[in-house]
Amino acid sequence: MSTTTRQPESAPSAPPAPASRPAPPAPIKAKQRLGDRVFSGTALGAGLIILVVLAAVATFLIIQSLPAFAPDTSDNHILEGRSFWSYVGPLAFGTIWASFIALVIATPISIGIALFISHYAPRRLAGVLGYVIDLLAAVPSVVFGLWGGLVLAPLLQPVYAWLNANASWFPLFGGQVSSTGKTIMTAALVLAVMVIPIMTAICREVFLQTPKLHEEAALALGATRWEMVRMAVLPFARGGMVSAVMLALGRALGETMAVTMVLSPSFVYSFLVLTATNPTPIPANIALAFPEAHGTGVNTLIATGLILFVVTFAVNAVARWIVARRAEFSGAN
């Protein structure tokens, strides 16, 4: 009988040691040139200057506005015993009301002009129209004010009389029509002409950024040019159009001379747009009342400027937020 010799079991071999990886090379640092450091420092300084100026303006307005909020306003020749909020209320209403009417008039016109330049006009004509629109934005506001008060108001007065006589059933066209044509509707039309270049320029650039693949796909599916604009261009540009409207609103809120030369100061809440008694915007009231203001009256006018500053800052902040949200969307994907 044979005997089988049993071999001893060998211990499991240890896994091989991992090969040592070479150390990553040290990052190569670009050589800092003098010009690069100067440019970087200049850019940083310019950005800080904007913040410092904004903070300085806000601080000045807040400090100078404090006397206007005092409980006793008997010695304030501007307030004349009224509270500050009862004084600034009609002015804030007039500012927002005039700007709102201007935007209602200017928005469809601006979008139509921008669409014509970007998608309908021949290239040469589009270039000329774009140049004219940009040139219109450079016209001083005092010129618009003179045009509105001396030319537009007398020209529109018969139209206002006709609207008052035949469409007084519409709430905005009631009341006693102005005999001079210098109404808040005229001021709003002047503001609309002033904000049309801003709104048109922004909308035009946004329409031109629509991906060509979207437009060509819509046309390839048999869409007409208007259907292509409605289905491809306008949805893509919705955020840009909203931001254009908000930036134009910021311009209309702060306009001074054009409105000052058209409206007479009055402190009323009124939605009527054809009467001689119109709510006055804050910038026009400051321009009209500041030459004769003294003492705490100056602080009161500065306080109304603080209210306008807050409103304008809020409008521009909302516009920047809309632009930032739109920038996160890539229509080409």
Protein backbone atom coordinates (compact mmCIF):
# COMPACT_ATOMS: atom_id res chain seq x y z
CA MET A 1 0.00 0.00 0.00
CA SER A 2 1.49 3.29 -1.17
CA THR A 3 1.64 6.22 1.10
CA THR A 4 0.77 9.66 -0.29
CA THR A 5 2.84 12.44 1.10
CA ARG A 6 0.77 15.56 1.70
CA GLN A 7 2.46 18.77 0.82
CA PRO A 8 2.04 21.60 3.32
CA GLU A 9 -0.26 24.39 2.16
CA SER A 10 1.60 27.52 1.26
CA ALA A 11 0.58 30.79 2.85
CA PRO A 12 -1.27 33.18 0.55
CA SER A 13 1.08 35.50 -1.17
CA ALA A 14 0.87 39.18 -0.24
CA PRO A 15 -0.45 41.49 -2.96
CA PRO A 16 2.23 43.25 -4.86
CA ALA A 17 3.10 46.64 -3.58
CA PRO A 18 1.64 49.39 -5.73
CA ALA A 19 4.08 51.07 -7.94
CA SER A 20 5.08 54.43 -6.63
CA ARG A 21 3.65 57.24 -8.74
CA PRO A 22 5.90 60.07 -9.68
CA ALA A 23 5.23 63.32 -7.88
CA PRO A 24 3.20 65.80 -9.97
CA PRO A 25 5.30 68.55 -11.42
CA ALA A 26 5.19 71.84 -9.64
CA PRO A 27 2.84 74.33 -11.31
CA ILE A 28 4.59 76.81 -13.48
CA LYS A 29 3.92 80.33 -12.34
CA ALA A 30 3.68 82.98 -14.99
CA LYS A 31 6.19 85.69 -14.65
CA GLN A 32 4.56 88.81 -13.23
CA ARG A 33 5.41 91.65 -15.50
CA LEU A 34 5.23 95.25 -14.48
CA GLY A 35 2.55 96.02 -17.06
CA ASP A 36 0.35 93.17 -15.79
CA ARG A 37 0.60 94.36 -12.21
CA VAL A 38 -0.16 97.96 -13.21
CA PHE A 39 -3.19 96.92 -15.27
CA SER A 40 -4.53 94.62 -12.54
CA GLY A 41 -4.12 97.29 -9.88
CA THR A 42 -5.75 99.92 -12.08
CA ALA A 43 -8.75 97.71 -12.80
CA LEU A 44 -9.13 96.87 -9.11
CA GLY A 45 -8.86 100.54 -8.17
CA ALA A 46 -11.49 101.53 -10.74
CA GLY A 47 -13.91 98.96 -9.35
CA LEU A 48 -13.29 100.14 -5.79
CA ILE A 49 -13.80 103.78 -6.79
CA ILE A 50 -17.31 102.96 -8.03
CA LEU A 51 -18.18 101.33 -4.71
CA VAL A 52 -16.66 104.18 -2.73
CA VAL A 53 -18.55 106.81 -4.74
CA LEU A 54 -21.83 104.92 -4.37
CA ALA A 55 -21.31 104.55 -0.63
CA ALA A 56 -20.35 108.23 -0.33
CA VAL A 57 -23.51 109.35 -2.17
CA ALA A 58 -25.71 107.11 -0.04
CA THR A 59 -24.05 108.34 3.16
CA PHE A 60 -24.44 111.97 2.14
CA LEU A 61 -28.13 111.52 1.30
CA ILE A 62 -28.87 109.72 4.58
CA ILE A 63 -27.05 112.23 6.79
CA GLN A 64 -28.51 115.28 5.06
CA SER A 65 -32.01 113.79 5.06
CA LEU A 66 -32.26 113.23 8.82
CA PRO A 67 -33.58 116.75 9.67
CA ALA A 68 -36.51 116.23 7.28
CA PHE A 69 -37.81 113.35 9.41
CA ALA A 70 -38.05 115.44 12.59
CA PRO A 71 -41.46 115.32 14.32
CA ASP A 72 -41.73 119.12 14.49
CA THR A 73 -41.81 120.58 10.95
CA SER A 74 -43.29 124.00 11.78
CA ASP A 75 -40.04 125.80 10.86
CA ASN A 76 -39.72 123.89 7.57
CA HIS A 77 -40.94 126.16 4.77
CA ILE A 78 -41.17 123.21 2.37
CA LEU A 79 -43.27 120.91 4.55
CA GLU A 80 -45.26 123.73 6.21
CA GLY A 81 -46.34 121.60 9.16
CA ARG A 82 -46.96 118.44 7.13
CA SER A 83 -45.13 115.21 7.68
CA PHE A 84 -42.43 114.27 5.25
CA TRP A 85 -44.30 111.19 4.02
CA SER A 86 -47.43 113.18 3.18
CA TYR A 87 -45.21 115.54 1.19
CA VAL A 88 -43.22 112.93 -0.72
CA GLY A 89 -46.19 110.63 -1.38
CA PRO A 90 -47.68 112.57 -4.34
CA LEU A 91 -44.19 113.14 -5.73
CA ALA A 92 -43.36 109.43 -5.65
CA PHE A 93 -46.73 108.68 -7.23
CA GLY A 94 -46.05 111.20 -10.02
CA THR A 95 -42.61 109.72 -10.65
CA ILE A 96 -43.89 106.17 -10.98
CA TRP A 97 -47.03 107.16 -12.91
CA ALA A 98 -45.19 109.21 -15.56
CA SER A 99 -42.54 106.51 -15.98
CA PHE A 100 -45.17 103.79 -16.27
CA ILE A 101 -47.03 105.65 -19.04
CA ALA A 102 -43.74 106.24 -20.85
CA LEU A 103 -42.88 102.53 -20.72
CA VAL A 104 -46.33 101.52 -21.98
CA ILE A 105 -45.79 103.78 -25.00
CA ALA A 106 -42.10 103.03 -25.62
CA THR A 107 -41.96 99.25 -25.12
CA PRO A 108 -43.89 98.06 -28.22
CA ILE A 109 -42.27 100.74 -30.39
CA SER A 110 -38.77 99.79 -29.23
CA ILE A 111 -39.33 96.06 -29.71
CA GLY A 112 -40.77 96.69 -33.19
CA ILE A 113 -37.81 98.86 -34.22
CA ALA A 114 -35.33 96.32 -32.85
CA LEU A 115 -37.02 93.45 -34.70
CA PHE A 116 -37.06 95.43 -37.94
CA ILE A 117 -33.36 96.25 -37.65
CA SER A 118 -32.29 92.73 -36.68
CA HIS A 119 -34.52 90.53 -38.89
CA TYR A 120 -36.35 92.50 -41.55
CA ALA A 121 -34.39 95.52 -42.78
CA PRO A 122 -31.68 95.18 -45.45
CA ARG A 123 -28.17 95.26 -44.08
CA ARG A 124 -27.37 98.81 -45.23
CA LEU A 125 -30.67 100.20 -43.98
CA ALA A 126 -30.24 98.35 -40.67
CA GLY A 127 -26.83 99.95 -40.19
CA VAL A 128 -28.19 103.44 -40.85
CA LEU A 129 -31.17 102.93 -38.50
CA GLY A 130 -28.91 101.59 -35.77
CA TYR A 131 -26.68 104.65 -36.09
CA VAL A 132 -29.69 106.99 -35.93
CA ILE A 133 -31.03 105.24 -32.81
CA ASP A 134 -27.66 105.51 -31.09
CA LEU A 135 -27.43 109.18 -32.08
CA LEU A 136 -30.87 109.85 -30.61
CA ALA A 137 -29.61 108.68 -27.23
CA ALA A 138 -26.96 111.43 -27.28
CA VAL A 139 -29.45 114.30 -27.56
CA PRO A 140 -29.44 116.36 -24.29
CA SER A 141 -32.55 116.12 -22.17
CA VAL A 142 -33.02 119.90 -22.20
CA VAL A 143 -33.53 119.72 -25.97
CA PHE A 144 -36.26 117.14 -25.47
CA GLY A 145 -37.81 119.39 -22.83
CA LEU A 146 -37.87 122.39 -25.16
CA TRP A 147 -39.34 120.28 -27.93
CA GLY A 148 -41.99 118.86 -25.61
CA GLY A 149 -43.04 122.19 -24.11
CA LEU A 150 -42.88 124.41 -27.21
CA VAL A 151 -43.74 122.04 -30.05
CA LEU A 152 -45.34 118.83 -28.85
CA ALA A 153 -47.72 120.28 -26.24
CA PRO A 154 -49.46 122.80 -28.58
CA LEU A 155 -49.57 120.17 -31.31
CA LEU A 156 -51.30 117.62 -29.06
CA GLN A 157 -53.75 119.98 -27.38
CA PRO A 158 -56.47 119.55 -30.10
CA VAL A 159 -55.99 115.79 -29.86
CA TYR A 160 -56.48 115.95 -26.11
CA ALA A 161 -59.63 118.04 -26.55
CA TRP A 162 -61.01 115.50 -29.04
CA LEU A 163 -60.24 112.59 -26.71
CA ASN A 164 -61.87 114.41 -23.80
CA ALA A 165 -64.98 115.14 -25.86
CA ASN A 166 -65.39 111.73 -27.48
CA ALA A 167 -63.70 109.27 -25.13
CA SER A 168 -64.30 110.76 -21.69
CA TRP A 169 -65.97 107.47 -20.75
CA PHE A 170 -62.41 106.11 -20.45
CA PRO A 171 -61.32 106.93 -16.87
CA LEU A 172 -57.94 108.41 -17.86
CA PHE A 173 -59.43 110.89 -20.36
CA GLY A 174 -61.91 112.58 -18.02
CA GLY A 175 -61.75 115.92 -16.23
CA GLN A 176 -61.18 119.41 -17.58
CA VAL A 177 -58.76 119.20 -20.50
CA SER A 178 -55.68 121.44 -20.39
CA SER A 179 -55.73 124.49 -22.63
CA THR A 180 -51.96 124.41 -23.16
CA GLY A 181 -51.37 120.70 -23.73
CA LYS A 182 -48.78 120.59 -20.94
CA THR A 183 -50.06 117.47 -19.22
CA ILE A 184 -48.53 114.37 -17.76
CA MET A 185 -49.33 112.59 -21.03
CA THR A 186 -47.08 115.05 -22.88
CA ALA A 187 -44.34 114.53 -20.29
CA ALA A 188 -44.72 110.76 -20.65
CA LEU A 189 -44.44 111.02 -24.44
CA VAL A 190 -41.23 113.01 -24.07
CA LEU A 191 -39.89 110.38 -21.65
CA ALA A 192 -40.90 107.64 -24.08
CA VAL A 193 -38.90 109.27 -26.88
CA MET A 194 -35.92 109.54 -24.52
CA VAL A 195 -35.95 105.89 -23.43
CA ILE A 196 -36.65 104.39 -26.87
CA PRO A 197 -32.94 104.44 -27.89
CA ILE A 198 -31.87 102.55 -24.76
CA MET A 199 -34.57 99.94 -25.04
CA THR A 200 -34.09 99.53 -28.80
CA ALA A 201 -30.33 99.10 -28.56
CA ILE A 202 -30.55 96.42 -25.88
CA CYS A 203 -33.37 94.52 -27.60
CA ARG A 204 -31.53 94.67 -30.93
CA GLU A 205 -28.39 93.10 -29.45
CA VAL A 206 -30.42 90.42 -27.70
CA PHE A 207 -32.34 89.55 -30.88
CA LEU A 208 -29.06 89.24 -32.81
CA GLN A 209 -27.77 86.73 -30.23
CA THR A 210 -30.54 84.23 -31.00
CA PRO A 211 -28.86 80.96 -32.14
CA LYS A 212 -28.99 80.64 -35.90
CA LEU A 213 -29.75 76.94 -35.54
CA HIS A 214 -33.05 77.79 -33.85
CA GLU A 215 -34.03 80.23 -36.57
CA GLU A 216 -33.02 77.91 -39.41
CA ALA A 217 -34.82 74.97 -37.79
CA ALA A 218 -38.05 76.98 -37.56
CA LEU A 219 -37.76 78.08 -41.19
CA ALA A 220 -36.96 74.52 -42.30
CA LEU A 221 -40.16 73.29 -40.64
CA GLY A 222 -42.15 75.67 -42.84
CA ALA A 223 -42.59 78.60 -40.48
CA THR A 224 -42.96 82.07 -41.91
CA ARG A 225 -40.56 84.78 -40.83
CA TRP A 226 -43.01 86.13 -38.24
CA GLU A 227 -43.67 82.61 -36.92
CA MET A 228 -39.92 82.07 -36.68
CA VAL A 229 -39.58 85.32 -34.71
CA ARG A 230 -42.48 84.39 -32.45
CA MET A 231 -41.30 80.82 -31.76
CA ALA A 232 -37.50 81.20 -31.74
CA VAL A 233 -36.43 84.83 -31.27
CA LEU A 234 -38.91 86.23 -28.73
CA PRO A 235 -38.74 83.29 -26.27
CA PHE A 236 -34.93 83.40 -26.34
CA ALA A 237 -34.88 87.18 -25.84
CA ARG A 238 -37.55 87.38 -23.14
CA GLY A 239 -35.10 88.00 -20.32
CA GLY A 240 -33.19 90.58 -22.33
CA MET A 241 -36.38 92.45 -23.18
CA VAL A 242 -37.39 92.56 -19.53
CA SER A 243 -33.98 93.87 -18.53
CA ALA A 244 -34.18 96.52 -21.28
CA VAL A 245 -37.53 97.69 -19.92
CA MET A 246 -36.15 97.86 -16.39
CA LEU A 247 -33.08 99.84 -17.44
CA ALA A 248 -35.28 102.24 -19.42
CA LEU A 249 -37.45 102.60 -16.33
CA GLY A 250 -34.39 103.60 -14.34
CA ARG A 251 -33.64 106.31 -16.92
CA ALA A 252 -37.23 107.57 -16.88
CA LEU A 253 -37.37 107.69 -13.07
CA GLY A 254 -34.35 109.97 -12.83
CA GLU A 255 -35.13 112.34 -15.70
CA THR A 256 -35.32 115.98 -14.59
CA MET A 257 -35.16 118.74 -17.17
CA ALA A 258 -37.48 117.29 -19.79
CA VAL A 259 -40.31 116.86 -17.28
CA THR A 260 -39.57 120.16 -15.52
CA MET A 261 -40.03 122.12 -18.74
CA VAL A 262 -43.39 120.46 -19.48
CA LEU A 263 -45.22 120.13 -16.14
CA SER A 264 -46.19 122.65 -13.48
CA PRO A 265 -45.66 121.55 -9.87
CA SER A 266 -48.70 120.20 -8.04
CA PHE A 267 -49.07 117.78 -5.14
CA VAL A 268 -52.03 115.60 -6.08
CA TYR A 269 -52.89 111.97 -6.62
CA SER A 270 -54.55 111.84 -10.03
CA PHE A 271 -54.72 109.26 -12.79
CA LEU A 272 -56.17 111.77 -15.28
CA VAL A 273 -53.70 112.38 -18.09
CA LEU A 274 -55.33 115.28 -19.99
CA THR A 275 -55.87 117.85 -17.23
CA ALA A 276 -53.67 120.77 -16.23
CA THR A 277 -53.37 119.47 -12.64
CA ASN A 278 -50.85 116.66 -12.75
CA PRO A 279 -48.74 114.87 -10.13
CA THR A 280 -45.17 116.11 -10.27
CA PRO A 281 -42.21 113.66 -10.33
CA ILE A 282 -39.51 113.96 -7.69
CA PRO A 283 -36.68 115.15 -10.00
CA ALA A 284 -38.81 117.96 -11.46
CA ASN A 285 -39.89 119.09 -7.99
CA ILE A 286 -36.27 119.23 -6.79
CA ALA A 287 -35.23 121.27 -9.83
CA LEU A 288 -38.10 123.73 -9.37
CA ALA A 289 -37.94 124.15 -5.58
CA PHE A 290 -34.20 123.98 -4.89
CA PRO A 291 -33.27 127.58 -5.94
CA GLU A 292 -35.55 129.05 -3.24
CA ALA A 293 -34.96 126.41 -0.57
CA HIS A 294 -33.04 127.19 2.61
CA GLY A 295 -32.46 125.66 6.02
CA THR A 296 -34.36 122.46 6.64
CA GLY A 297 -36.12 122.91 3.28
CA VAL A 298 -32.89 121.89 1.58
CA ASN A 299 -32.77 118.78 3.77
CA THR A 300 -36.34 117.97 2.76
CA LEU A 301 -35.50 118.12 -0.93
CA ILE A 302 -32.42 115.98 -0.31
CA ALA A 303 -34.65 113.48 1.50
CA THR A 304 -36.90 113.25 -1.56
CA GLY A 305 -33.74 112.62 -3.55
CA LEU A 306 -32.93 109.79 -1.15
CA ILE A 307 -36.32 108.22 -1.90
CA LEU A 308 -35.62 108.52 -5.63
CA PHE A 309 -32.14 107.03 -5.09
CA VAL A 310 -33.60 104.00 -3.33
CA VAL A 311 -36.24 103.46 -6.00
CA THR A 312 -33.74 103.81 -8.85
CA PHE A 313 -31.23 101.55 -7.12
CA ALA A 314 -33.89 98.90 -6.61
CA VAL A 315 -34.96 99.08 -10.26
CA ASN A 316 -31.38 98.71 -11.52
CA ALA A 317 -30.69 95.88 -9.07
CA VAL A 318 -33.71 93.98 -10.36
CA ALA A 319 -32.55 94.59 -13.94
CA ARG A 320 -29.07 93.25 -13.18
CA TRP A 321 -30.58 90.21 -11.49
CA ILE A 322 -32.66 89.47 -14.58
CA VAL A 323 -29.62 89.88 -16.83
CA ALA A 324 -27.59 87.54 -14.62
CA ARG A 325 -30.33 84.91 -14.70
CA ARG A 326 -30.51 85.14 -18.47
CA ALA A 327 -26.74 84.79 -18.78
CA GLU A 328 -26.93 81.34 -17.15
CA PHE A 329 -29.12 80.07 -20.01
CA SER A 330 -27.38 78.98 -23.21
CA GLY A 331 -29.83 78.84 -26.08
CA ALA A 332 -27.35 76.98 -28.25
CA ASN A 333 -27.50 73.82 -26.15
